[in-house]
Amino acid sequence: MTQQWILVKVKSEKTDEKGFQKKVSEHYLVDALTFAEAEQRAMTELEAYGDCEVAAVSKMKLDEVRLSGEGDFYFYKAKIAMISIDEKTLKEKKHSIYALVQNVSLAAALKEVETLYAPVNGQVEKIEQTQIVDVLLHESTIAEGKAEKR
């Protein structure tokens, strides 16, 4: 099986700034082969924070994931149009790829994506902040270079 990025939505109770218990939903992106593995890894990671339950699990189409190692960063999903010329017909061909970048602001994330994909004729069609609060990587992902930590 090949690598999949799986979005796991977890519901739990957290204490807010005023000391009140509040139900929250958080999204975690998990690098896993199956939904069951993603759910199990998310629950293992979050069990230290108290009771929580998986509310939803779904695939997320991503071709590249770039993570920063530290700080209060947000996750942005970008859709990049890749344009190439068909050698036989000499017509432009366009296909889309998706990247997740972690950065401090939308402007900084956009600049990063543009810098990454400009040399290969990539044009950012869309970029938006996601609800993802953390990415749970499999050890082999970084070793194989499938996700990059800066």
Protein backbone atom coordinates (compact mmCIF):
# COMPACT_ATOMS: atom_id res chain seq x y z
CA MET A 1 0.00 0.00 0.00
CA THR A 2 1.07 3.55 -0.52
CA GLN A 3 1.20 6.44 1.86
CA GLN A 4 -2.04 8.26 2.57
CA TRP A 5 -2.79 11.46 4.39
CA ILE A 6 -5.82 10.89 6.59
CA LEU A 7 -7.73 13.65 8.36
CA VAL A 8 -8.99 12.61 11.79
CA LYS A 9 -11.57 14.78 13.54
CA VAL A 10 -11.47 14.33 17.31
CA LYS A 11 -14.04 15.58 19.84
CA SER A 12 -13.03 16.20 23.42
CA GLU A 13 -13.64 18.44 26.41
CA LYS A 14 -11.14 21.17 27.19
CA THR A 15 -10.95 23.82 29.86
CA ASP A 16 -11.20 27.36 28.50
CA GLU A 17 -9.49 30.51 29.81
CA LYS A 18 -12.25 31.04 32.41
CA GLY A 19 -12.00 27.49 33.77
CA PHE A 20 -15.17 26.16 32.15
CA GLN A 21 -15.34 22.79 30.41
CA LYS A 22 -16.05 23.18 26.71
CA LYS A 23 -16.59 20.59 23.95
CA VAL A 24 -14.19 21.09 21.05
CA SER A 25 -13.48 19.45 17.72
CA GLU A 26 -9.91 19.31 16.48
CA HIS A 27 -8.50 18.06 13.19
CA TYR A 28 -5.31 16.03 12.99
CA LEU A 29 -3.59 15.01 9.77
CA VAL A 30 -2.16 11.52 10.12
CA ASP A 31 0.32 9.81 7.83
CA ALA A 32 -1.06 6.26 7.76
CA LEU A 33 -1.81 3.35 5.47
CA THR A 34 -5.37 2.72 6.67
CA PHE A 35 -8.18 4.54 8.45
CA ALA A 36 -7.85 2.13 11.38
CA GLU A 37 -4.15 2.93 11.75
CA ALA A 38 -4.84 6.68 11.57
CA GLU A 39 -7.57 6.45 14.20
CA GLN A 40 -5.39 4.33 16.51
CA ARG A 41 -2.37 6.64 16.18
CA ALA A 42 -4.47 9.74 16.84
CA MET A 43 -6.04 8.21 19.94
CA THR A 44 -2.64 7.02 21.24
CA GLU A 45 -1.19 10.50 20.73
CA LEU A 46 -4.13 12.22 22.46
CA GLU A 47 -4.85 9.82 25.35
CA ALA A 48 -2.67 11.89 27.70
CA TYR A 49 -5.10 14.80 27.32
CA GLY A 50 -8.12 12.95 28.70
CA ASP A 51 -11.29 11.55 27.18
CA CYS A 52 -11.67 12.02 23.47
CA GLU A 53 -13.45 10.28 20.64
CA VAL A 54 -12.98 10.09 16.90
CA ALA A 55 -15.87 11.84 15.19
CA ALA A 56 -14.79 11.45 11.55
CA VAL A 57 -12.04 10.03 9.39
CA SER A 58 -11.43 10.97 5.74
CA LYS A 59 -8.70 10.98 3.12
CA MET A 60 -6.99 14.26 2.28
CA LYS A 61 -5.39 14.57 -1.16
CA LEU A 62 -1.88 15.96 -0.70
CA ASP A 63 1.15 15.70 -2.95
CA GLU A 64 3.57 17.50 -0.62
CA VAL A 65 3.71 18.38 3.08
CA ARG A 66 6.14 20.99 4.41
CA LEU A 67 6.29 21.45 8.17
CA SER A 68 8.03 23.99 10.33
CA GLY A 69 9.50 22.53 13.47
CA GLU A 70 8.33 24.98 16.08
CA GLY A 71 6.18 27.96 17.05
CA ASP A 72 2.54 28.90 16.73
CA PHE A 73 2.11 28.18 13.06
CA TYR A 74 -1.01 27.45 11.07
CA PHE A 75 -1.55 24.91 8.31
CA TYR A 76 -2.46 26.09 4.81
CA LYS A 77 -3.59 23.94 1.89
CA ALA A 78 -2.59 25.17 -1.55
CA LYS A 79 -3.81 24.10 -4.97
CA ILE A 80 -1.09 24.58 -7.56
CA ALA A 81 -1.67 24.42 -11.31
CA MET A 82 1.24 22.78 -13.08
CA ILE A 83 1.51 23.78 -16.71
CA SER A 84 3.49 21.81 -19.27
CA ILE A 85 3.62 21.65 -23.07
CA ASP A 86 2.57 18.46 -24.82
CA GLU A 87 5.47 17.67 -27.16
CA LYS A 88 3.25 16.10 -29.84
CA THR A 89 0.45 18.66 -30.03
CA LEU A 90 2.40 21.67 -28.67
CA LYS A 91 -0.60 22.53 -26.52
CA GLU A 92 -0.51 23.48 -22.85
CA LYS A 93 -1.52 20.77 -20.41
CA LYS A 94 -2.60 21.67 -16.93
CA HIS A 95 -2.94 19.45 -13.87
CA SER A 96 -3.30 20.33 -10.21
CA ILE A 97 -1.26 19.27 -7.23
CA TYR A 98 -1.96 19.96 -3.57
CA ALA A 99 0.50 21.01 -0.88
CA LEU A 100 0.14 21.55 2.86
CA VAL A 101 2.47 24.15 4.32
CA GLN A 102 2.88 25.25 7.91
CA ASN A 103 3.55 28.92 8.35
CA VAL A 104 2.85 31.94 10.53
CA SER A 105 0.45 33.71 8.14
CA LEU A 106 -1.44 33.32 4.88
CA ALA A 107 0.89 35.80 3.16
CA ALA A 108 4.00 33.91 4.32
CA ALA A 109 2.50 30.57 3.25
CA LEU A 110 1.62 31.98 -0.18
CA LYS A 111 5.15 33.31 -0.62
CA GLU A 112 6.61 29.92 0.35
CA VAL A 113 4.41 28.03 -2.11
CA GLU A 114 5.14 30.50 -4.92
CA THR A 115 8.89 30.21 -4.26
CA LEU A 116 8.69 26.40 -4.30
CA TYR A 117 6.68 26.01 -7.48
CA ALA A 118 7.66 29.00 -9.66
CA PRO A 119 10.80 27.25 -11.02
CA VAL A 120 8.64 24.39 -12.35
CA ASN A 121 5.90 26.57 -13.90
CA GLY A 122 3.53 26.14 -10.98
CA GLN A 123 0.86 28.78 -10.37
CA VAL A 124 -1.02 29.01 -7.08
CA GLU A 125 -4.73 28.80 -7.85
CA LYS A 126 -5.97 28.70 -4.27
CA ILE A 127 -4.57 28.77 -0.75
CA GLU A 128 -6.55 28.66 2.47
CA GLN A 129 -6.06 28.09 6.16
CA THR A 130 -7.16 24.65 7.34
CA GLN A 131 -8.57 23.52 10.68
CA ILE A 132 -5.65 21.14 11.20
CA VAL A 133 -3.99 21.58 14.60
CA ASP A 134 -1.19 19.03 14.20
CA VAL A 135 0.35 16.54 11.79
CA LEU A 136 1.19 13.07 13.08
CA LEU A 137 3.96 11.66 10.91
CA HIS A 138 5.05 8.07 10.59
CA GLU A 139 8.79 7.66 11.29
CA SER A 140 9.43 6.41 7.75
CA THR A 141 7.89 9.51 6.15
CA ILE A 142 10.69 11.86 7.17
CA ALA A 143 13.35 9.23 6.54
CA GLU A 144 12.09 8.76 2.97
CA GLY A 145 11.71 12.52 2.40
CA LYS A 146 7.95 12.40 1.79
CA ALA A 147 7.37 15.25 4.25
CA GLU A 148 9.90 17.93 4.92
CA LYS A 149 10.59 19.62 8.23
CA ARG A 150 12.27 23.01 7.94
